[in-house]
């Protein structure tokens, strides 16, 4: 069997092979460095910058969300306070209206009671006056019948009274 190449050539390279391999290797790294590393590095830097910007934007959004959440809580707290204030004011107005109505009702009842008392007193006085008139008429009628004469004038009354007083004083 005839070999076309010597297996020892793989282990001990020839000076020409080393030269051309080195040139090819240097040319490869020059081309990769010029056309591949810079765009890759730029892409990596660009990606790193976009990630950093995205993280900053996320942090800003988080801060903004916290701020909005705090504002919302503040607005809700103010709304609750205002609601409580309105309810308290409404209760106070309700109580005021009820108290005013009670006061008016008491005043009206007092007026009606006073009016009824005055009407009763007036009726009582009128009835007493009527009774007195009737009693005096009956007394005069009885006195006329007893005396047998009618006393028409004030002078007749005075003289009759004087006579009665004299009789009583004598007794």
C-alpha atoms as a PDB file:
ATOM      1  CA  UNK A   1       0.000   0.000   0.000  1.00  0.00           C
ATOM      2  CA  UNK A   2       1.309   3.189  -1.036  1.00  0.00           C
ATOM      3  CA  UNK A   3       0.518   6.280   0.931  1.00  0.00           C
ATOM      4  CA  UNK A   4       0.437   9.596  -0.774  1.00  0.00           C
ATOM      5  CA  UNK A   5       1.274  11.574   2.242  1.00  0.00           C
ATOM      6  CA  UNK A   6       3.413  10.944   5.156  1.00  0.00           C
ATOM      7  CA  UNK A   7       1.520  10.654   8.458  1.00  0.00           C
ATOM      8  CA  UNK A   8       4.401  12.314  10.182  1.00  0.00           C
ATOM      9  CA  UNK A   9       3.708  15.479   8.241  1.00  0.00           C
ATOM     10  CA  UNK A  10       0.679  16.033  10.435  1.00  0.00           C
ATOM     11  CA  UNK A  11       2.741  16.056  13.561  1.00  0.00           C
ATOM     12  CA  UNK A  12       5.668  18.035  12.214  1.00  0.00           C
ATOM     13  CA  UNK A  13       4.345  20.741   9.963  1.00  0.00           C
ATOM     14  CA  UNK A  14       6.306  22.269   7.238  1.00  0.00           C
ATOM     15  CA  UNK A  15       7.480  25.914   7.520  1.00  0.00           C
ATOM     16  CA  UNK A  16       5.351  26.923   4.533  1.00  0.00           C
ATOM     17  CA  UNK A  17       2.288  25.367   6.060  1.00  0.00           C
ATOM     18  CA  UNK A  18       2.799  27.271   9.302  1.00  0.00           C
ATOM     19  CA  UNK A  19       3.325  30.505   7.389  1.00  0.00           C
ATOM     20  CA  UNK A  20       0.198  30.158   5.277  1.00  0.00           C
ATOM     21  CA  UNK A  21      -1.848  28.958   8.260  1.00  0.00           C
ATOM     22  CA  UNK A  22      -0.741  31.964  10.275  1.00  0.00           C
ATOM     23  CA  UNK A  23      -1.581  34.347   7.422  1.00  0.00           C
ATOM     24  CA  UNK A  24      -4.989  32.726   6.953  1.00  0.00           C
ATOM     25  CA  UNK A  25      -5.581  32.853  10.712  1.00  0.00           C
ATOM     26  CA  UNK A  26      -4.562  36.547  10.921  1.00  0.00           C
ATOM     27  CA  UNK A  27      -6.672  37.411   7.895  1.00  0.00           C
ATOM     28  CA  UNK A  28      -9.595  35.551   9.434  1.00  0.00           C
ATOM     29  CA  UNK A  29      -9.285  37.486  12.737  1.00  0.00           C
ATOM     30  CA  UNK A  30      -8.850  40.790  10.883  1.00  0.00           C
ATOM     31  CA  UNK A  31     -11.987  40.218   8.838  1.00  0.00           C
ATOM     32  CA  UNK A  32     -13.976  38.911  11.817  1.00  0.00           C
ATOM     33  CA  UNK A  33     -12.715  41.805  13.961  1.00  0.00           C
ATOM     34  CA  UNK A  34     -13.543  44.386  11.339  1.00  0.00           C
ATOM     35  CA  UNK A  35     -16.864  43.043  10.080  1.00  0.00           C
ATOM     36  CA  UNK A  36     -18.203  40.856  12.883  1.00  0.00           C
ATOM     37  CA  UNK A  37     -16.926  41.987  16.298  1.00  0.00           C
ATOM     38  CA  UNK A  38     -17.843  45.657  15.909  1.00  0.00           C
ATOM     39  CA  UNK A  39     -21.449  44.958  14.847  1.00  0.00           C
ATOM     40  CA  UNK A  40     -21.728  42.248  17.532  1.00  0.00           C
ATOM     41  CA  UNK A  41     -20.273  44.610  20.165  1.00  0.00           C
ATOM     42  CA  UNK A  42     -22.555  47.409  18.944  1.00  0.00           C
ATOM     43  CA  UNK A  43     -25.530  45.054  19.060  1.00  0.00           C
ATOM     44  CA  UNK A  44     -24.557  43.916  22.564  1.00  0.00           C
ATOM     45  CA  UNK A  45     -24.085  47.541  23.710  1.00  0.00           C
ATOM     46  CA  UNK A  46     -27.344  48.539  22.048  1.00  0.00           C
ATOM     47  CA  UNK A  47     -29.149  45.612  23.676  1.00  0.00           C
ATOM     48  CA  UNK A  48     -27.582  46.447  27.040  1.00  0.00           C
ATOM     49  CA  UNK A  49     -28.653  50.083  26.672  1.00  0.00           C
ATOM     50  CA  UNK A  50     -32.206  49.108  25.659  1.00  0.00           C
ATOM     51  CA  UNK A  51     -32.422  46.723  28.641  1.00  0.00           C
ATOM     52  CA  UNK A  52     -31.162  49.471  30.951  1.00  0.00           C
ATOM     53  CA  UNK A  53     -33.675  51.929  29.454  1.00  0.00           C
ATOM     54  CA  UNK A  54     -36.435  49.366  29.837  1.00  0.00           C
ATOM     55  CA  UNK A  55     -35.464  48.822  33.488  1.00  0.00           C
ATOM     56  CA  UNK A  56     -35.441  52.588  34.079  1.00  0.00           C
ATOM     57  CA  UNK A  57     -38.799  52.921  32.354  1.00  0.00           C
ATOM     58  CA  UNK A  58     -40.166  50.071  34.464  1.00  0.00           C
ATOM     59  CA  UNK A  59     -38.835  51.733  37.619  1.00  0.00           C
ATOM     60  CA  UNK A  60     -40.380  55.053  36.544  1.00  0.00           C
ATOM     61  CA  UNK A  61     -43.648  53.301  35.769  1.00  0.00           C
ATOM     62  CA  UNK A  62     -43.520  51.606  39.165  1.00  0.00           C
ATOM     63  CA  UNK A  63     -42.914  54.970  40.866  1.00  0.00           C
ATOM     64  CA  UNK A  64     -45.723  56.541  38.828  1.00  0.00           C
ATOM     65  CA  UNK A  65     -48.063  53.667  39.735  1.00  0.00           C
ATOM     66  CA  UNK A  66     -47.174  54.099  43.417  1.00  0.00           C
ATOM     67  CA  UNK A  67     -47.798  57.824  43.119  1.00  0.00           C
ATOM     68  CA  UNK A  68     -51.137  57.257  41.362  1.00  0.00           C
ATOM     69  CA  UNK A  69     -52.106  54.641  43.928  1.00  0.00           C
ATOM     70  CA  UNK A  70     -51.315  57.076  46.756  1.00  0.00           C
ATOM     71  CA  UNK A  71     -53.321  59.799  45.003  1.00  0.00           C
ATOM     72  CA  UNK A  72     -56.221  57.391  44.540  1.00  0.00           C
ATOM     73  CA  UNK A  73     -56.105  56.450  48.223  1.00  0.00           C
ATOM     74  CA  UNK A  74     -56.010  60.141  49.147  1.00  0.00           C
ATOM     75  CA  UNK A  75     -58.983  60.873  46.882  1.00  0.00           C
ATOM     76  CA  UNK A  76     -60.901  57.912  48.338  1.00  0.00           C
ATOM     77  CA  UNK A  77     -60.094  59.039  51.880  1.00  0.00           C
ATOM     78  CA  UNK A  78     -61.252  62.589  51.061  1.00  0.00           C
ATOM     79  CA  UNK A  79     -64.409  61.207  49.451  1.00  0.00           C
ATOM     80  CA  UNK A  80     -65.112  59.115  52.559  1.00  0.00           C
ATOM     81  CA  UNK A  81     -64.520  62.117  54.806  1.00  0.00           C
ATOM     82  CA  UNK A  82     -66.761  64.285  52.651  1.00  0.00           C
ATOM     83  CA  UNK A  83     -69.409  61.565  52.628  1.00  0.00           C
ATOM     84  CA  UNK A  84     -69.237  61.289  56.415  1.00  0.00           C
ATOM     85  CA  UNK A  85     -69.442  65.074  56.685  1.00  0.00           C
ATOM     86  CA  UNK A  86     -72.466  65.215  54.382  1.00  0.00           C
ATOM     87  CA  UNK A  87     -74.165  62.425  56.333  1.00  0.00           C
ATOM     88  CA  UNK A  88     -73.419  64.179  59.625  1.00  0.00           C
ATOM     89  CA  UNK A  89     -74.797  67.439  58.244  1.00  0.00           C
ATOM     90  CA  UNK A  90     -77.883  65.640  56.920  1.00  0.00           C
ATOM     91  CA  UNK A  91     -78.455  64.047  60.332  1.00  0.00           C
ATOM     92  CA  UNK A  92     -78.070  67.422  62.008  1.00  0.00           C
ATOM     93  CA  UNK A  93     -80.565  68.970  59.579  1.00  0.00           C
ATOM     94  CA  UNK A  94     -82.943  66.044  60.143  1.00  0.00           C
ATOM     95  CA  UNK A  95     -82.642  66.393  63.915  1.00  0.00           C
ATOM     96  CA  UNK A  96     -83.145  70.151  63.609  1.00  0.00           C
ATOM     97  CA  UNK A  97     -86.266  69.702  61.517  1.00  0.00           C
ATOM     98  CA  UNK A  98     -87.613  67.090  63.935  1.00  0.00           C
ATOM     99  CA  UNK A  99     -86.858  69.290  66.947  1.00  0.00           C
ATOM    100  CA  UNK A 100     -88.421  72.281  65.219  1.00  0.00           C
ATOM    101  CA  UNK A 101     -91.508  70.228  64.386  1.00  0.00           C
ATOM    102  CA  UNK A 102     -91.702  69.017  68.004  1.00  0.00           C
ATOM    103  CA  UNK A 103     -91.318  72.580  69.229  1.00  0.00           C
ATOM    104  CA  UNK A 104     -94.004  73.846  66.868  1.00  0.00           C
ATOM    105  CA  UNK A 105     -96.273  70.981  67.862  1.00  0.00           C
ATOM    106  CA  UNK A 106     -95.705  71.748  71.558  1.00  0.00           C
ATOM    107  CA  UNK A 107     -96.326  75.446  70.969  1.00  0.00           C
ATOM    108  CA  UNK A 108     -99.450  74.683  68.970  1.00  0.00           C
ATOM    109  CA  UNK A 109    -100.677  72.258  71.633  1.00  0.00           C
ATOM    110  CA  UNK A 110     -99.944  74.869  74.309  1.00  0.00           C
ATOM    111  CA  UNK A 111    -101.855  77.504  72.318  1.00  0.00           C
ATOM    112  CA  UNK A 112    -104.787  75.153  71.846  1.00  0.00           C
ATOM    113  CA  UNK A 113    -104.704  74.259  75.549  1.00  0.00           C
ATOM    114  CA  UNK A 114    -104.571  77.931  76.569  1.00  0.00           C
ATOM    115  CA  UNK A 115    -107.364  78.767  74.147  1.00  0.00           C
ATOM    116  CA  UNK A 116    -109.457  75.888  75.486  1.00  0.00           C
ATOM    117  CA  UNK A 117    -108.782  77.016  79.077  1.00  0.00           C
ATOM    118  CA  UNK A 118    -109.745  80.589  78.246  1.00  0.00           C
ATOM    119  CA  UNK A 119    -112.893  79.396  76.458  1.00  0.00           C
ATOM    120  CA  UNK A 120    -113.768  77.180  79.429  1.00  0.00           C
ATOM    121  CA  UNK A 121    -113.153  80.085  81.820  1.00  0.00           C
ATOM    122  CA  UNK A 122    -115.244  82.401  79.656  1.00  0.00           C
ATOM    123  CA  UNK A 123    -118.020  79.816  79.503  1.00  0.00           C
ATOM    124  CA  UNK A 124    -117.742  79.282  83.250  1.00  0.00           C
ATOM    125  CA  UNK A 125    -117.902  83.027  83.915  1.00  0.00           C
ATOM    126  CA  UNK A 126    -120.815  83.373  81.524  1.00  0.00           C
ATOM    127  CA  UNK A 127    -122.586  80.466  83.235  1.00  0.00           C
ATOM    128  CA  UNK A 128    -121.875  81.945  86.688  1.00  0.00           C
ATOM    129  CA  UNK A 129    -123.139  85.325  85.561  1.00  0.00           C
ATOM    130  CA  UNK A 130    -126.259  83.713  84.162  1.00  0.00           C
ATOM    131  CA  UNK A 131    -126.729  81.720  87.354  1.00  0.00           C
ATOM    132  CA  UNK A 132    -126.240  84.895  89.422  1.00  0.00           C
ATOM    133  CA  UNK A 133    -128.763  86.717  87.265  1.00  0.00           C
ATOM    134  CA  UNK A 134    -131.227  83.892  87.662  1.00  0.00           C
ATOM    135  CA  UNK A 135    -130.579  83.720  91.400  1.00  0.00           C
ATOM    136  CA  UNK A 136    -130.997  87.481  91.746  1.00  0.00           C
ATOM    137  CA  UNK A 137    -134.203  87.383  89.689  1.00  0.00           C
ATOM    138  CA  UNK A 138    -135.514  84.528  91.790  1.00  0.00           C
ATOM    139  CA  UNK A 139    -134.430  86.317  94.945  1.00  0.00           C
ATOM    140  CA  UNK A 140    -136.209  89.481  93.838  1.00  0.00           C
ATOM    141  CA  UNK A 141    -139.326  87.559  92.899  1.00  0.00           C
ATOM    142  CA  UNK A 142    -139.276  85.794  96.243  1.00  0.00           C
ATOM    143  CA  UNK A 143    -138.610  89.055  98.046  1.00  0.00           C
ATOM    144  CA  UNK A 144    -141.443  90.753  96.162  1.00  0.00           C
ATOM    145  CA  UNK A 145    -143.783  87.995  97.032  1.00  0.00           C
ATOM    146  CA  UNK A 146    -142.695  88.100 100.644  1.00  0.00           C
ATOM    147  CA  UNK A 147    -142.897  91.845 100.824  1.00  0.00           C
ATOM    148  CA  UNK A 148    -145.861  92.110  98.612  1.00  0.00           C
ATOM    149  CA  UNK A 149    -144.534  95.024  96.710  1.00  0.00           C
ATOM    150  CA  UNK A 150    -142.059  95.724  94.003  1.00  0.00           C
ATOM    151  CA  UNK A 151    -138.896  97.686  94.600  1.00  0.00           C
ATOM    152  CA  UNK A 152    -138.316  99.600  91.401  1.00  0.00           C
ATOM    153  CA  UNK A 153    -135.815 102.238  92.265  1.00  0.00           C
ATOM    154  CA  UNK A 154    -132.484 102.362  94.023  1.00  0.00           C
ATOM    155  CA  UNK A 155    -134.048 104.530  96.665  1.00  0.00           C
ATOM    156  CA  UNK A 156    -136.605 101.887  97.439  1.00  0.00           C
ATOM    157  CA  UNK A 157    -133.830  99.309  97.792  1.00  0.00           C
ATOM    158  CA  UNK A 158    -131.800 101.537 100.100  1.00  0.00           C
ATOM    159  CA  UNK A 159    -134.750 102.291 102.331  1.00  0.00           C
ATOM    160  CA  UNK A 160    -135.716  98.639 102.531  1.00  0.00           C
ATOM    161  CA  UNK A 161    -132.135  97.633 103.416  1.00  0.00           C
ATOM    162  CA  UNK A 162    -131.952 100.337 106.065  1.00  0.00           C
ATOM    163  CA  UNK A 163    -135.177  99.062 107.611  1.00  0.00           C
ATOM    164  CA  UNK A 164    -133.811  95.502 107.688  1.00  0.00           C
ATOM    165  CA  UNK A 165    -130.560  96.633 109.258  1.00  0.00           C
ATOM    166  CA  UNK A 166    -132.418  98.567 111.940  1.00  0.00           C
ATOM    167  CA  UNK A 167    -134.543  95.581 112.719  1.00  0.00           C
ATOM    168  CA  UNK A 168    -131.468  93.375 112.993  1.00  0.00           C
ATOM    169  CA  UNK A 169    -129.712  95.871 115.233  1.00  0.00           C
ATOM    170  CA  UNK A 170    -132.686  95.927 117.543  1.00  0.00           C
ATOM    171  CA  UNK A 171    -132.712  92.184 117.842  1.00  0.00           C
END
